Amino acid sequence: MPSGERSQVWYPHVVALLRASWHLAITWDEVVSLRAVLQAELDEYRSRRGIVPAVIRCRECGETGPAAHPKISVRAMLIALRRFGIASDHVSRQREREWARYRATNSLDLYGREQEKNAMARRAVQLGRFS
């Protein structure tokens, strides 16, 4: 396994997929869906190649073990647009600010999913427990 491959997220084919799928008029729902597609591609590629997370040492207890599998957040995807020259600096930063507002307004987590508290409250209302 090449050096650094365990911690790598933006493999060339994942960047190519981002480049092919990105456009200026993309909606936030499409952005969240694209993030899920990129994450699935990353997970499948790492699994197919047998790439396991790097081993780390816990700062608190000193034990060693595998690090968490890398996850692509919506913000990381927006930063990657700038990093790989897919979108201009200005557009990328503007979309980051818009994402922060959209995320706060809709109570979404880093990955564009509904936060658990919000989801549980919505289910309770649907079940008729609260009105």
N, C-alpha and C. Protein backbone atom coordinates (compact mmCIF):
# COMPACT_ATOMS: atom_id res chain seq x y z
N MET A 1 0.85 -1.17 0.00
CA MET A 1 0.00 0.00 0.00
C MET A 1 0.90 1.24 0.00
N PRO A 2 0.70 2.17 -0.93
CA PRO A 2 1.52 3.37 -0.98
C PRO A 2 1.40 4.20 0.29
N SER A 3 2.46 4.88 0.63
CA SER A 3 2.49 5.71 1.83
C SER A 3 1.37 6.76 1.79
N GLY A 4 0.66 6.91 2.90
CA GLY A 4 -0.39 7.91 3.00
C GLY A 4 -1.73 7.48 2.49
N GLU A 5 -1.82 6.30 1.87
CA GLU A 5 -3.09 5.88 1.28
C GLU A 5 -4.15 5.59 2.34
N ARG A 6 -3.73 5.20 3.55
CA ARG A 6 -4.68 4.90 4.61
C ARG A 6 -5.48 6.12 5.03
N SER A 7 -4.86 7.29 4.99
CA SER A 7 -5.54 8.49 5.44
C SER A 7 -6.08 9.33 4.30
N GLN A 8 -5.88 8.90 3.09
CA GLN A 8 -6.33 9.66 1.93
C GLN A 8 -7.84 9.56 1.76
N VAL A 9 -8.45 10.66 1.37
CA VAL A 9 -9.89 10.69 1.11
C VAL A 9 -10.13 11.01 -0.36
N TRP A 10 -9.43 11.99 -0.89
CA TRP A 10 -9.69 12.46 -2.24
C TRP A 10 -8.82 11.73 -3.26
N TYR A 11 -9.18 10.49 -3.53
CA TYR A 11 -8.51 9.71 -4.57
C TYR A 11 -8.87 10.31 -5.93
N PRO A 12 -8.02 10.15 -6.94
CA PRO A 12 -8.27 10.78 -8.24
C PRO A 12 -9.65 10.48 -8.83
N HIS A 13 -10.14 9.25 -8.71
CA HIS A 13 -11.44 8.95 -9.31
C HIS A 13 -12.58 9.59 -8.52
N VAL A 14 -12.41 9.83 -7.22
CA VAL A 14 -13.43 10.52 -6.43
C VAL A 14 -13.47 12.00 -6.83
N VAL A 15 -12.28 12.58 -7.05
CA VAL A 15 -12.21 13.97 -7.52
C VAL A 15 -12.84 14.08 -8.91
N ALA A 16 -12.58 13.11 -9.77
CA ALA A 16 -13.17 13.13 -11.12
C ALA A 16 -14.68 13.05 -11.05
N LEU A 17 -15.21 12.25 -10.15
CA LEU A 17 -16.66 12.15 -9.97
C LEU A 17 -17.22 13.48 -9.48
N LEU A 18 -16.55 14.12 -8.53
CA LEU A 18 -16.98 15.44 -8.04
C LEU A 18 -16.95 16.45 -9.18
N ARG A 19 -15.87 16.44 -9.96
CA ARG A 19 -15.72 17.38 -11.08
C ARG A 19 -16.83 17.19 -12.11
N ALA A 20 -17.17 15.94 -12.41
CA ALA A 20 -18.19 15.65 -13.42
C ALA A 20 -19.59 15.99 -12.94
N SER A 21 -19.81 15.94 -11.63
CA SER A 21 -21.17 16.11 -11.09
C SER A 21 -21.47 17.54 -10.65
N TRP A 22 -20.46 18.35 -10.45
CA TRP A 22 -20.67 19.69 -9.91
C TRP A 22 -21.09 20.67 -11.00
N HIS A 23 -22.06 21.52 -10.68
CA HIS A 23 -22.43 22.63 -11.55
C HIS A 23 -22.93 23.78 -10.67
N LEU A 24 -22.91 24.99 -11.18
CA LEU A 24 -23.23 26.17 -10.37
C LEU A 24 -24.68 26.20 -9.88
N ALA A 25 -25.59 25.62 -10.61
CA ALA A 25 -27.00 25.68 -10.23
C ALA A 25 -27.44 24.50 -9.35
N ILE A 26 -26.51 23.78 -8.78
CA ILE A 26 -26.82 22.59 -7.98
C ILE A 26 -27.58 23.01 -6.71
N THR A 27 -28.64 22.28 -6.39
CA THR A 27 -29.43 22.57 -5.19
C THR A 27 -28.80 21.90 -3.98
N TRP A 28 -29.22 22.31 -2.80
CA TRP A 28 -28.66 21.70 -1.58
C TRP A 28 -29.04 20.24 -1.46
N ASP A 29 -30.22 19.87 -1.89
CA ASP A 29 -30.60 18.45 -1.88
C ASP A 29 -29.68 17.64 -2.79
N GLU A 30 -29.34 18.21 -3.94
CA GLU A 30 -28.42 17.55 -4.86
C GLU A 30 -27.00 17.48 -4.28
N VAL A 31 -26.60 18.54 -3.57
CA VAL A 31 -25.29 18.55 -2.93
C VAL A 31 -25.19 17.43 -1.90
N VAL A 32 -26.24 17.30 -1.08
CA VAL A 32 -26.27 16.25 -0.05
C VAL A 32 -26.25 14.87 -0.71
N SER A 33 -26.99 14.71 -1.79
CA SER A 33 -26.99 13.43 -2.51
C SER A 33 -25.62 13.15 -3.12
N LEU A 34 -24.99 14.16 -3.69
CA LEU A 34 -23.66 14.00 -4.26
C LEU A 34 -22.66 13.60 -3.18
N ARG A 35 -22.76 14.22 -2.00
CA ARG A 35 -21.89 13.86 -0.90
C ARG A 35 -22.05 12.38 -0.55
N ALA A 36 -23.29 11.89 -0.54
CA ALA A 36 -23.55 10.48 -0.24
C ALA A 36 -22.96 9.57 -1.32
N VAL A 37 -23.04 9.98 -2.56
CA VAL A 37 -22.47 9.20 -3.66
C VAL A 37 -20.95 9.15 -3.53
N LEU A 38 -20.34 10.29 -3.23
CA LEU A 38 -18.88 10.34 -3.07
C LEU A 38 -18.45 9.48 -1.89
N GLN A 39 -19.21 9.53 -0.79
CA GLN A 39 -18.88 8.71 0.39
C GLN A 39 -18.99 7.23 0.05
N ALA A 40 -20.05 6.85 -0.66
CA ALA A 40 -20.22 5.44 -1.04
C ALA A 40 -19.08 4.98 -1.94
N GLU A 41 -18.67 5.84 -2.87
CA GLU A 41 -17.57 5.51 -3.77
C GLU A 41 -16.27 5.36 -2.98
N LEU A 42 -16.03 6.27 -2.04
CA LEU A 42 -14.83 6.19 -1.20
C LEU A 42 -14.83 4.90 -0.39
N ASP A 43 -15.95 4.59 0.25
CA ASP A 43 -16.05 3.37 1.07
C ASP A 43 -15.84 2.12 0.23
N GLU A 44 -16.44 2.09 -0.96
CA GLU A 44 -16.34 0.92 -1.84
C GLU A 44 -14.90 0.75 -2.33
N TYR A 45 -14.25 1.85 -2.69
CA TYR A 45 -12.88 1.80 -3.19
C TYR A 45 -11.93 1.31 -2.09
N ARG A 46 -12.08 1.85 -0.89
CA ARG A 46 -11.21 1.45 0.22
C ARG A 46 -11.43 -0.02 0.56
N SER A 47 -12.68 -0.47 0.49
CA SER A 47 -12.99 -1.88 0.77
C SER A 47 -12.38 -2.79 -0.31
N ARG A 48 -12.57 -2.41 -1.56
CA ARG A 48 -12.08 -3.21 -2.69
C ARG A 48 -10.55 -3.33 -2.65
N ARG A 49 -9.88 -2.26 -2.26
CA ARG A 49 -8.41 -2.26 -2.22
C ARG A 49 -7.85 -2.78 -0.90
N GLY A 50 -8.74 -3.04 0.06
CA GLY A 50 -8.28 -3.53 1.36
C GLY A 50 -7.56 -2.47 2.18
N ILE A 51 -7.95 -1.22 2.01
CA ILE A 51 -7.32 -0.12 2.73
C ILE A 51 -8.01 0.03 4.08
N VAL A 52 -7.24 -0.15 5.13
CA VAL A 52 -7.78 -0.03 6.48
C VAL A 52 -7.29 1.29 7.08
N PRO A 53 -8.03 1.83 8.06
CA PRO A 53 -7.61 3.09 8.67
C PRO A 53 -6.25 2.96 9.36
N ALA A 54 -5.56 4.05 9.47
CA ALA A 54 -4.28 4.08 10.16
C ALA A 54 -4.48 3.74 11.64
N VAL A 55 -3.44 3.26 12.28
CA VAL A 55 -3.48 2.95 13.70
C VAL A 55 -3.08 4.21 14.47
N ILE A 56 -3.88 4.54 15.48
CA ILE A 56 -3.59 5.74 16.28
C ILE A 56 -3.53 5.38 17.76
N ARG A 57 -2.98 6.28 18.52
CA ARG A 57 -2.90 6.12 19.99
C ARG A 57 -3.84 7.12 20.64
N CYS A 58 -4.67 6.63 21.58
CA CYS A 58 -5.60 7.47 22.32
C CYS A 58 -4.82 8.38 23.27
N ARG A 59 -5.12 9.66 23.23
CA ARG A 59 -4.42 10.61 24.10
C ARG A 59 -4.80 10.44 25.56
N GLU A 60 -6.01 9.96 25.80
CA GLU A 60 -6.49 9.84 27.17
C GLU A 60 -6.00 8.57 27.86
N CYS A 61 -6.16 7.42 27.20
CA CYS A 61 -5.82 6.16 27.86
C CYS A 61 -4.53 5.53 27.36
N GLY A 62 -4.00 5.99 26.24
CA GLY A 62 -2.74 5.47 25.72
C GLY A 62 -2.87 4.21 24.88
N GLU A 63 -4.08 3.67 24.74
CA GLU A 63 -4.26 2.46 23.93
C GLU A 63 -4.16 2.80 22.45
N THR A 64 -3.77 1.80 21.66
CA THR A 64 -3.70 1.99 20.22
C THR A 64 -4.81 1.18 19.55
N GLY A 65 -5.23 1.67 18.41
CA GLY A 65 -6.28 1.00 17.65
C GLY A 65 -6.50 1.71 16.34
N PRO A 66 -7.39 1.17 15.51
CA PRO A 66 -7.64 1.80 14.21
C PRO A 66 -8.39 3.13 14.37
N ALA A 67 -8.02 4.08 13.54
CA ALA A 67 -8.72 5.37 13.51
C ALA A 67 -10.09 5.16 12.88
N ALA A 68 -10.94 6.16 13.02
CA ALA A 68 -12.25 6.10 12.39
C ALA A 68 -12.09 6.13 10.86
N HIS A 69 -13.01 5.51 10.16
CA HIS A 69 -13.00 5.55 8.70
C HIS A 69 -13.26 7.00 8.27
N PRO A 70 -12.60 7.46 7.22
CA PRO A 70 -12.79 8.85 6.79
C PRO A 70 -14.20 9.07 6.27
N LYS A 71 -14.74 10.22 6.60
CA LYS A 71 -16.07 10.61 6.14
C LYS A 71 -15.96 11.93 5.39
N ILE A 72 -16.75 12.07 4.37
CA ILE A 72 -16.78 13.30 3.58
C ILE A 72 -17.99 14.11 4.05
N SER A 73 -17.72 15.28 4.62
CA SER A 73 -18.82 16.17 5.01
C SER A 73 -19.15 17.08 3.82
N VAL A 74 -20.28 17.76 3.90
CA VAL A 74 -20.64 18.68 2.83
C VAL A 74 -19.61 19.79 2.74
N ARG A 75 -19.18 20.31 3.90
CA ARG A 75 -18.19 21.40 3.89
C ARG A 75 -16.87 20.92 3.28
N ALA A 76 -16.43 19.70 3.60
CA ALA A 76 -15.21 19.16 3.02
C ALA A 76 -15.33 19.09 1.50
N MET A 77 -16.51 18.74 1.03
CA MET A 77 -16.74 18.67 -0.41
C MET A 77 -16.64 20.08 -1.02
N LEU A 78 -17.20 21.08 -0.33
CA LEU A 78 -17.14 22.45 -0.83
C LEU A 78 -15.70 22.97 -0.83
N ILE A 79 -14.92 22.61 0.17
CA ILE A 79 -13.51 23.00 0.22
C ILE A 79 -12.73 22.30 -0.90
N ALA A 80 -13.08 21.05 -1.18
CA ALA A 80 -12.42 20.30 -2.26
C ALA A 80 -12.65 20.96 -3.62
N LEU A 81 -13.79 21.63 -3.79
CA LEU A 81 -14.04 22.34 -5.04
C LEU A 81 -12.95 23.37 -5.29
N ARG A 82 -12.58 24.07 -4.24
CA ARG A 82 -11.54 25.09 -4.33
C ARG A 82 -10.17 24.42 -4.48
N ARG A 83 -9.93 23.41 -3.66
CA ARG A 83 -8.62 22.73 -3.65
C ARG A 83 -8.25 22.15 -5.00
N PHE A 84 -9.23 21.57 -5.70
CA PHE A 84 -8.95 20.90 -6.98
C PHE A 84 -9.30 21.76 -8.19
N GLY A 85 -9.61 23.05 -7.97
CA GLY A 85 -9.86 23.96 -9.08
C GLY A 85 -11.16 23.72 -9.81
N ILE A 86 -12.12 23.12 -9.15
CA ILE A 86 -13.42 22.84 -9.78
C ILE A 86 -14.29 24.10 -9.75
N ALA A 87 -14.17 24.87 -8.68
CA ALA A 87 -14.89 26.13 -8.53
C ALA A 87 -13.88 27.19 -8.06
N SER A 88 -14.20 28.43 -8.33
CA SER A 88 -13.30 29.51 -7.92
C SER A 88 -13.32 29.67 -6.40
N ASP A 89 -12.32 30.35 -5.90
CA ASP A 89 -12.24 30.64 -4.47
C ASP A 89 -13.51 31.34 -3.98
N HIS A 90 -13.92 32.35 -4.74
CA HIS A 90 -15.09 33.14 -4.36
C HIS A 90 -16.35 32.27 -4.30
N VAL A 91 -16.58 31.48 -5.32
CA VAL A 91 -17.77 30.63 -5.37
C VAL A 91 -17.75 29.60 -4.24
N SER A 92 -16.61 29.00 -4.02
CA SER A 92 -16.48 27.99 -2.98
C SER A 92 -16.76 28.58 -1.60
N ARG A 93 -16.18 29.73 -1.30
CA ARG A 93 -16.39 30.37 0.01
C ARG A 93 -17.83 30.83 0.17
N GLN A 94 -18.41 31.33 -0.90
CA GLN A 94 -19.81 31.76 -0.86
C GLN A 94 -20.72 30.56 -0.57
N ARG A 95 -20.47 29.44 -1.25
CA ARG A 95 -21.29 28.25 -1.01
C ARG A 95 -21.09 27.71 0.41
N GLU A 96 -19.88 27.85 0.97
CA GLU A 96 -19.64 27.44 2.36
C GLU A 96 -20.51 28.25 3.31
N ARG A 97 -20.57 29.56 3.10
CA ARG A 97 -21.41 30.42 3.96
C ARG A 97 -22.89 30.08 3.79
N GLU A 98 -23.31 29.85 2.55
CA GLU A 98 -24.71 29.48 2.29
C GLU A 98 -25.04 28.14 2.96
N TRP A 99 -24.10 27.20 2.90
CA TRP A 99 -24.31 25.89 3.52
C TRP A 99 -24.47 26.03 5.04
N ALA A 100 -23.64 26.87 5.65
CA ALA A 100 -23.74 27.07 7.10
C ALA A 100 -25.12 27.61 7.48
N ARG A 101 -25.62 28.56 6.71
CA ARG A 101 -26.97 29.10 6.98
C ARG A 101 -28.04 28.05 6.73
N TYR A 102 -27.96 27.34 5.61
CA TYR A 102 -28.94 26.31 5.27
C TYR A 102 -28.95 25.20 6.31
N ARG A 103 -27.77 24.80 6.72
CA ARG A 103 -27.63 23.74 7.72
C ARG A 103 -28.26 24.14 9.05
N ALA A 104 -28.01 25.36 9.49
CA ALA A 104 -28.57 25.85 10.75
C ALA A 104 -30.09 25.98 10.66
N THR A 105 -30.56 26.52 9.57
CA THR A 105 -32.00 26.71 9.37
C THR A 105 -32.77 25.40 9.37
N ASN A 106 -32.17 24.37 8.78
CA ASN A 106 -32.85 23.08 8.64
C ASN A 106 -32.42 22.02 9.65
N SER A 107 -31.62 22.42 10.64
CA SER A 107 -31.14 21.51 11.70
C SER A 107 -30.50 20.25 11.12
N LEU A 108 -29.51 20.46 10.26
CA LEU A 108 -28.83 19.34 9.61
C LEU A 108 -27.47 19.12 10.26
N ASP A 109 -26.97 17.88 10.19
CA ASP A 109 -25.64 17.59 10.69
C ASP A 109 -24.60 17.90 9.61
N LEU A 110 -23.35 17.56 9.86
CA LEU A 110 -22.27 17.85 8.91
C LEU A 110 -22.44 17.20 7.56
N TYR A 111 -23.23 16.14 7.52
CA TYR A 111 -23.39 15.34 6.30
C TYR A 111 -24.71 15.63 5.59
N GLY A 112 -25.47 16.60 6.08
CA GLY A 112 -26.73 16.97 5.45
C GLY A 112 -27.92 16.15 5.89
N ARG A 113 -27.73 15.37 6.95
CA ARG A 113 -28.85 14.58 7.47
C ARG A 113 -29.51 15.33 8.61
N GLU A 114 -30.77 15.03 8.83
CA GLU A 114 -31.50 15.64 9.93
C GLU A 114 -30.85 15.26 11.24
N GLN A 115 -30.69 16.22 12.13
CA GLN A 115 -30.13 15.90 13.44
C GLN A 115 -31.14 15.07 14.22
N GLU A 116 -30.65 14.20 15.08
CA GLU A 116 -31.49 13.22 15.76
C GLU A 116 -32.62 13.85 16.57
N LYS A 117 -32.37 14.93 17.30
CA LYS A 117 -33.42 15.56 18.11
C LYS A 117 -34.56 16.01 17.23
N ASN A 118 -34.24 16.65 16.11
CA ASN A 118 -35.24 17.14 15.18
C ASN A 118 -36.03 15.99 14.57
N ALA A 119 -35.34 14.92 14.21
CA ALA A 119 -35.99 13.76 13.61
C ALA A 119 -36.93 13.09 14.60
N MET A 120 -36.51 12.96 15.87
CA MET A 120 -37.38 12.33 16.88
C MET A 120 -38.61 13.17 17.14
N ALA A 121 -38.47 14.49 17.19
CA ALA A 121 -39.62 15.37 17.41
C ALA A 121 -40.61 15.26 16.25
N ARG A 122 -40.08 15.20 15.03
CA ARG A 122 -40.94 15.09 13.86
C ARG A 122 -41.71 13.76 13.87
N ARG A 123 -41.03 12.67 14.26
CA ARG A 123 -41.71 11.37 14.34
C ARG A 123 -42.79 11.37 15.41
N ALA A 124 -42.53 12.02 16.53
CA ALA A 124 -43.53 12.10 17.60
C ALA A 124 -44.77 12.84 17.13
N VAL A 125 -44.58 13.91 16.38
CA VAL A 125 -45.71 14.67 15.84
C VAL A 125 -46.48 13.80 14.84
N GLN A 126 -45.75 13.07 13.99
CA GLN A 126 -46.41 12.21 13.01
C GLN A 126 -47.22 11.11 13.67
N LEU A 127 -46.74 10.62 14.81
CA LEU A 127 -47.45 9.57 15.52
C LEU A 127 -48.59 10.11 16.37
N GLY A 128 -48.75 11.44 16.39
CA GLY A 128 -49.85 12.04 17.13
C GLY A 128 -49.60 12.21 18.62
N ARG A 129 -48.34 12.11 19.02
CA ARG A 129 -48.04 12.25 20.45
C ARG A 129 -48.04 13.72 20.86
N PHE A 130 -47.70 14.60 19.96
CA PHE A 130 -47.71 16.04 20.23
C PHE A 130 -48.45 16.71 19.11
N SER A 131 -49.03 17.84 19.42
CA SER A 131 -49.71 18.55 18.34
C SER A 131 -49.16 19.92 18.13
